[in-house]
Amino acid sequence: MTTKRAQTALEALEAASRDIGGQIYTLRLYVAGLTTRSQEAIRTVTTICEEHLAGRYSLEVIDIYQHPVLAKGEQIIAAPTLIKKLPLPLRKIIGNMADKDKVLVGLDLRSK
């Protein structure tokens, strides 16, 4: 009986793991104009999404100069800022996006 329970638990764990792998990521990247730093952040985040989340992400890039109300609503205090809305938990990655490993860890795509 215990063996059957262990196998059922293992099957449930494997199914949950497959479900997590297929989750859709909802991301918002807040930038400040078309500065070099903003362009680098857009390029880095887009590359990460295409390499690790191909077909499973929604990325919205928001210029805080053009949409200050959106930035205020999200309490953005620095740019660039990447917000992972889904899957939960919500995460904010603030500052230089050039460090791909930092961004991957922040998006829960790589362990520390």
N, C-alpha and C. Protein backbone atom coordinates (compact mmCIF):
# COMPACT_ATOMS: atom_id res chain seq x y z
N MET A 1 0.83 -1.19 0.00
CA MET A 1 0.00 0.00 0.00
C MET A 1 0.87 1.25 0.00
N THR A 2 1.93 1.27 0.80
CA THR A 2 2.80 2.42 0.88
C THR A 2 3.48 2.68 -0.46
N THR A 3 3.86 1.63 -1.17
CA THR A 3 4.51 1.78 -2.46
C THR A 3 3.58 2.44 -3.46
N LYS A 4 2.31 2.06 -3.43
CA LYS A 4 1.34 2.65 -4.34
C LYS A 4 1.15 4.14 -4.02
N ARG A 5 1.12 4.48 -2.73
CA ARG A 5 0.99 5.90 -2.34
C ARG A 5 2.20 6.70 -2.80
N ALA A 6 3.38 6.11 -2.63
CA ALA A 6 4.60 6.80 -3.03
C ALA A 6 4.61 7.03 -4.54
N GLN A 7 4.17 6.03 -5.29
CA GLN A 7 4.13 6.17 -6.75
C GLN A 7 3.09 7.22 -7.16
N THR A 8 1.95 7.23 -6.49
CA THR A 8 0.91 8.23 -6.78
C THR A 8 1.43 9.63 -6.47
N ALA A 9 2.13 9.77 -5.35
CA ALA A 9 2.69 11.08 -4.99
C ALA A 9 3.74 11.51 -6.01
N LEU A 10 4.56 10.58 -6.46
CA LEU A 10 5.57 10.88 -7.47
C LEU A 10 4.93 11.31 -8.78
N GLU A 11 3.88 10.63 -9.18
CA GLU A 11 3.16 10.99 -10.40
C GLU A 11 2.54 12.38 -10.29
N ALA A 12 1.99 12.70 -9.12
CA ALA A 12 1.41 14.03 -8.89
C ALA A 12 2.49 15.11 -8.95
N LEU A 13 3.66 14.82 -8.38
CA LEU A 13 4.77 15.77 -8.41
C LEU A 13 5.24 16.00 -9.84
N GLU A 14 5.36 14.94 -10.62
CA GLU A 14 5.77 15.08 -12.01
C GLU A 14 4.75 15.87 -12.82
N ALA A 15 3.48 15.65 -12.58
CA ALA A 15 2.43 16.39 -13.28
C ALA A 15 2.48 17.87 -12.92
N ALA A 16 2.70 18.17 -11.65
CA ALA A 16 2.80 19.57 -11.22
C ALA A 16 4.01 20.24 -11.86
N SER A 17 5.10 19.49 -11.95
CA SER A 17 6.31 20.02 -12.58
C SER A 17 6.06 20.36 -14.05
N ARG A 18 5.34 19.51 -14.75
CA ARG A 18 5.00 19.79 -16.16
C ARG A 18 4.11 21.01 -16.26
N ASP A 19 3.16 21.15 -15.34
CA ASP A 19 2.26 22.30 -15.36
C ASP A 19 3.02 23.60 -15.15
N ILE A 20 3.98 23.60 -14.22
CA ILE A 20 4.78 24.80 -13.96
C ILE A 20 5.57 25.16 -15.20
N GLY A 21 6.12 24.15 -15.88
CA GLY A 21 6.90 24.39 -17.07
C GLY A 21 6.09 25.01 -18.18
N GLY A 22 4.78 24.86 -18.16
CA GLY A 22 3.95 25.38 -19.23
C GLY A 22 3.24 26.68 -18.87
N GLN A 23 3.56 27.27 -17.72
CA GLN A 23 2.87 28.48 -17.28
C GLN A 23 3.21 29.66 -18.19
N ILE A 24 2.23 30.53 -18.34
CA ILE A 24 2.40 31.76 -19.09
C ILE A 24 2.95 32.83 -18.15
N TYR A 25 3.99 33.52 -18.59
CA TYR A 25 4.58 34.60 -17.81
C TYR A 25 4.03 35.93 -18.30
N THR A 26 3.58 36.76 -17.37
CA THR A 26 3.11 38.10 -17.67
C THR A 26 4.13 39.07 -17.09
N LEU A 27 4.80 39.81 -17.98
CA LEU A 27 5.90 40.68 -17.58
C LEU A 27 5.65 42.11 -18.03
N ARG A 28 6.12 43.04 -17.20
CA ARG A 28 6.10 44.47 -17.56
C ARG A 28 7.49 45.02 -17.33
N LEU A 29 8.01 45.68 -18.34
CA LEU A 29 9.32 46.30 -18.24
C LEU A 29 9.14 47.81 -18.32
N TYR A 30 9.49 48.50 -17.25
CA TYR A 30 9.40 49.96 -17.20
C TYR A 30 10.78 50.54 -17.53
N VAL A 31 10.82 51.42 -18.53
CA VAL A 31 12.06 52.06 -18.94
C VAL A 31 11.87 53.57 -18.92
N ALA A 32 12.99 54.31 -18.96
CA ALA A 32 12.95 55.77 -18.95
C ALA A 32 13.47 56.28 -20.29
N GLY A 33 12.56 56.45 -21.23
CA GLY A 33 12.94 56.95 -22.55
C GLY A 33 13.70 55.92 -23.36
N LEU A 34 14.41 56.39 -24.38
CA LEU A 34 15.17 55.49 -25.24
C LEU A 34 16.67 55.63 -24.99
N THR A 35 17.03 55.65 -23.72
CA THR A 35 18.44 55.72 -23.35
C THR A 35 19.14 54.41 -23.70
N THR A 36 20.45 54.44 -23.67
CA THR A 36 21.24 53.23 -23.92
C THR A 36 20.88 52.15 -22.91
N ARG A 37 20.72 52.55 -21.68
CA ARG A 37 20.38 51.59 -20.61
C ARG A 37 19.00 50.98 -20.85
N SER A 38 18.05 51.78 -21.28
CA SER A 38 16.70 51.28 -21.57
C SER A 38 16.73 50.30 -22.74
N GLN A 39 17.44 50.65 -23.79
CA GLN A 39 17.54 49.78 -24.95
C GLN A 39 18.21 48.45 -24.60
N GLU A 40 19.24 48.52 -23.76
CA GLU A 40 19.92 47.31 -23.31
C GLU A 40 18.97 46.42 -22.50
N ALA A 41 18.17 47.03 -21.63
CA ALA A 41 17.21 46.28 -20.81
C ALA A 41 16.17 45.60 -21.71
N ILE A 42 15.66 46.33 -22.68
CA ILE A 42 14.66 45.75 -23.61
C ILE A 42 15.27 44.58 -24.36
N ARG A 43 16.48 44.76 -24.86
CA ARG A 43 17.15 43.71 -25.63
C ARG A 43 17.41 42.48 -24.76
N THR A 44 17.91 42.68 -23.55
CA THR A 44 18.22 41.57 -22.65
C THR A 44 16.97 40.80 -22.25
N VAL A 45 15.94 41.51 -21.84
CA VAL A 45 14.71 40.84 -21.38
C VAL A 45 14.05 40.11 -22.55
N THR A 46 14.03 40.73 -23.73
CA THR A 46 13.44 40.07 -24.89
C THR A 46 14.20 38.80 -25.25
N THR A 47 15.52 38.86 -25.21
CA THR A 47 16.35 37.69 -25.50
C THR A 47 16.08 36.57 -24.50
N ILE A 48 16.03 36.90 -23.21
CA ILE A 48 15.75 35.90 -22.18
C ILE A 48 14.39 35.27 -22.42
N CYS A 49 13.40 36.08 -22.71
CA CYS A 49 12.05 35.55 -22.95
C CYS A 49 12.03 34.60 -24.14
N GLU A 50 12.70 34.97 -25.22
CA GLU A 50 12.70 34.12 -26.41
C GLU A 50 13.46 32.82 -26.17
N GLU A 51 14.54 32.89 -25.40
CA GLU A 51 15.35 31.69 -25.14
C GLU A 51 14.70 30.74 -24.12
N HIS A 52 14.05 31.30 -23.10
CA HIS A 52 13.57 30.47 -21.99
C HIS A 52 12.05 30.36 -21.90
N LEU A 53 11.32 31.26 -22.55
CA LEU A 53 9.86 31.27 -22.42
C LEU A 53 9.17 31.33 -23.78
N ALA A 54 9.82 30.89 -24.81
CA ALA A 54 9.27 31.01 -26.16
C ALA A 54 7.82 30.54 -26.23
N GLY A 55 6.95 31.47 -26.65
CA GLY A 55 5.53 31.15 -26.78
C GLY A 55 4.76 31.11 -25.48
N ARG A 56 5.43 31.43 -24.37
CA ARG A 56 4.77 31.34 -23.05
C ARG A 56 4.89 32.64 -22.28
N TYR A 57 4.99 33.77 -22.98
CA TYR A 57 5.13 35.02 -22.23
C TYR A 57 4.41 36.16 -22.92
N SER A 58 4.09 37.14 -22.11
CA SER A 58 3.54 38.41 -22.57
C SER A 58 4.42 39.49 -21.96
N LEU A 59 5.06 40.29 -22.81
CA LEU A 59 5.96 41.33 -22.34
C LEU A 59 5.43 42.68 -22.80
N GLU A 60 5.20 43.56 -21.84
CA GLU A 60 4.74 44.91 -22.12
C GLU A 60 5.85 45.87 -21.70
N VAL A 61 6.32 46.69 -22.65
CA VAL A 61 7.35 47.68 -22.35
C VAL A 61 6.66 49.03 -22.19
N ILE A 62 6.91 49.67 -21.05
CA ILE A 62 6.25 50.93 -20.73
C ILE A 62 7.30 52.00 -20.45
N ASP A 63 7.22 53.10 -21.19
CA ASP A 63 8.11 54.24 -20.98
C ASP A 63 7.49 55.12 -19.90
N ILE A 64 8.19 55.27 -18.80
CA ILE A 64 7.62 56.03 -17.67
C ILE A 64 7.45 57.51 -18.00
N TYR A 65 8.18 58.02 -19.01
CA TYR A 65 8.00 59.41 -19.42
C TYR A 65 6.69 59.58 -20.18
N GLN A 66 6.30 58.58 -20.94
CA GLN A 66 5.07 58.66 -21.72
C GLN A 66 3.84 58.24 -20.93
N HIS A 67 4.04 57.38 -19.92
CA HIS A 67 2.92 56.86 -19.12
C HIS A 67 3.25 56.95 -17.63
N PRO A 68 3.39 58.16 -17.10
CA PRO A 68 3.77 58.29 -15.69
C PRO A 68 2.72 57.76 -14.72
N VAL A 69 1.45 57.76 -15.12
CA VAL A 69 0.39 57.25 -14.25
C VAL A 69 0.56 55.75 -14.01
N LEU A 70 0.93 55.01 -15.06
CA LEU A 70 1.16 53.57 -14.90
C LEU A 70 2.33 53.31 -13.96
N ALA A 71 3.38 54.10 -14.11
CA ALA A 71 4.55 53.93 -13.24
C ALA A 71 4.19 54.24 -11.79
N LYS A 72 3.39 55.29 -11.58
CA LYS A 72 2.99 55.64 -10.23
C LYS A 72 2.12 54.55 -9.62
N GLY A 73 1.21 53.99 -10.42
CA GLY A 73 0.33 52.92 -9.94
C GLY A 73 1.09 51.67 -9.51
N GLU A 74 2.22 51.40 -10.17
CA GLU A 74 3.04 50.23 -9.82
C GLU A 74 4.13 50.58 -8.81
N GLN A 75 4.17 51.85 -8.39
CA GLN A 75 5.16 52.34 -7.45
C GLN A 75 6.59 52.12 -7.95
N ILE A 76 6.80 52.50 -9.21
CA ILE A 76 8.12 52.38 -9.82
C ILE A 76 8.97 53.55 -9.33
N ILE A 77 10.10 53.24 -8.72
CA ILE A 77 10.97 54.29 -8.18
C ILE A 77 12.27 54.41 -8.96
N ALA A 78 12.56 53.45 -9.83
CA ALA A 78 13.78 53.47 -10.63
C ALA A 78 13.51 52.75 -11.94
N ALA A 79 14.29 53.11 -12.95
CA ALA A 79 14.14 52.44 -14.24
C ALA A 79 15.54 52.05 -14.72
N PRO A 80 15.66 50.91 -15.35
CA PRO A 80 14.59 49.99 -15.70
C PRO A 80 14.14 49.13 -14.51
N THR A 81 12.88 48.75 -14.55
CA THR A 81 12.30 47.83 -13.57
C THR A 81 11.48 46.79 -14.33
N LEU A 82 11.75 45.53 -14.05
CA LEU A 82 11.01 44.43 -14.64
C LEU A 82 10.11 43.84 -13.57
N ILE A 83 8.81 43.73 -13.87
CA ILE A 83 7.86 43.14 -12.93
C ILE A 83 7.32 41.85 -13.52
N LYS A 84 7.44 40.78 -12.74
CA LYS A 84 6.84 39.50 -13.11
C LYS A 84 5.51 39.42 -12.36
N LYS A 85 4.43 39.61 -13.09
CA LYS A 85 3.10 39.57 -12.47
C LYS A 85 2.63 38.12 -12.30
N LEU A 86 2.81 37.32 -13.31
CA LEU A 86 2.44 35.91 -13.28
C LEU A 86 3.56 35.10 -13.88
N PRO A 87 3.77 33.89 -13.44
CA PRO A 87 3.11 33.22 -12.32
C PRO A 87 3.56 33.82 -10.99
N LEU A 88 2.71 33.66 -10.01
CA LEU A 88 3.03 34.16 -8.68
C LEU A 88 4.21 33.41 -8.11
N PRO A 89 4.98 33.96 -7.24
CA PRO A 89 4.82 35.25 -6.58
C PRO A 89 5.27 36.40 -7.48
N LEU A 90 4.71 37.57 -7.24
CA LEU A 90 5.08 38.77 -7.95
C LEU A 90 6.54 39.10 -7.61
N ARG A 91 7.31 39.48 -8.63
CA ARG A 91 8.72 39.82 -8.42
C ARG A 91 9.03 41.13 -9.13
N LYS A 92 9.92 41.93 -8.54
CA LYS A 92 10.42 43.15 -9.17
C LYS A 92 11.94 43.05 -9.26
N ILE A 93 12.44 43.28 -10.45
CA ILE A 93 13.88 43.32 -10.68
C ILE A 93 14.19 44.75 -11.07
N ILE A 94 15.00 45.41 -10.27
CA ILE A 94 15.26 46.84 -10.44
C ILE A 94 16.71 47.06 -10.81
N GLY A 95 16.92 47.92 -11.80
CA GLY A 95 18.27 48.31 -12.16
C GLY A 95 18.77 47.66 -13.43
N ASN A 96 20.06 47.54 -13.52
CA ASN A 96 20.72 47.06 -14.73
C ASN A 96 20.27 45.64 -15.08
N MET A 97 19.79 45.47 -16.29
CA MET A 97 19.33 44.15 -16.74
C MET A 97 20.42 43.41 -17.53
N ALA A 98 21.63 43.96 -17.56
CA ALA A 98 22.71 43.34 -18.33
C ALA A 98 23.13 41.99 -17.74
N ASP A 99 22.94 41.80 -16.44
CA ASP A 99 23.31 40.55 -15.79
C ASP A 99 22.18 39.54 -16.00
N LYS A 100 22.31 38.71 -17.04
CA LYS A 100 21.25 37.76 -17.39
C LYS A 100 20.95 36.79 -16.27
N ASP A 101 21.99 36.37 -15.55
CA ASP A 101 21.77 35.42 -14.45
C ASP A 101 20.87 36.02 -13.38
N LYS A 102 21.08 37.29 -13.06
CA LYS A 102 20.25 37.98 -12.07
C LYS A 102 18.79 38.02 -12.53
N VAL A 103 18.58 38.29 -13.80
CA VAL A 103 17.22 38.34 -14.33
C VAL A 103 16.59 36.95 -14.33
N LEU A 104 17.35 35.94 -14.72
CA LEU A 104 16.83 34.57 -14.72
C LEU A 104 16.43 34.12 -13.32
N VAL A 105 17.24 34.44 -12.32
CA VAL A 105 16.91 34.10 -10.93
C VAL A 105 15.66 34.86 -10.51
N GLY A 106 15.58 36.14 -10.85
CA GLY A 106 14.42 36.94 -10.49
C GLY A 106 13.12 36.44 -11.11
N LEU A 107 13.22 35.83 -12.28
CA LEU A 107 12.05 35.28 -12.96
C LEU A 107 11.77 33.83 -12.57
N ASP A 108 12.55 33.32 -11.64
CA ASP A 108 12.43 31.91 -11.21
C ASP A 108 12.70 30.93 -12.34
N LEU A 109 13.57 31.31 -13.24
CA LEU A 109 13.94 30.42 -14.34
C LEU A 109 15.26 29.72 -14.07
N ARG A 110 15.96 30.15 -13.03
CA ARG A 110 17.23 29.54 -12.63
C ARG A 110 17.36 29.70 -11.13
N SER A 111 17.89 28.68 -10.47
CA SER A 111 18.08 28.78 -9.02
C SER A 111 19.35 29.58 -8.73
N LYS A 112 19.44 30.09 -7.51
CA LYS A 112 20.58 30.93 -7.11
C LYS A 112 21.88 30.18 -7.16
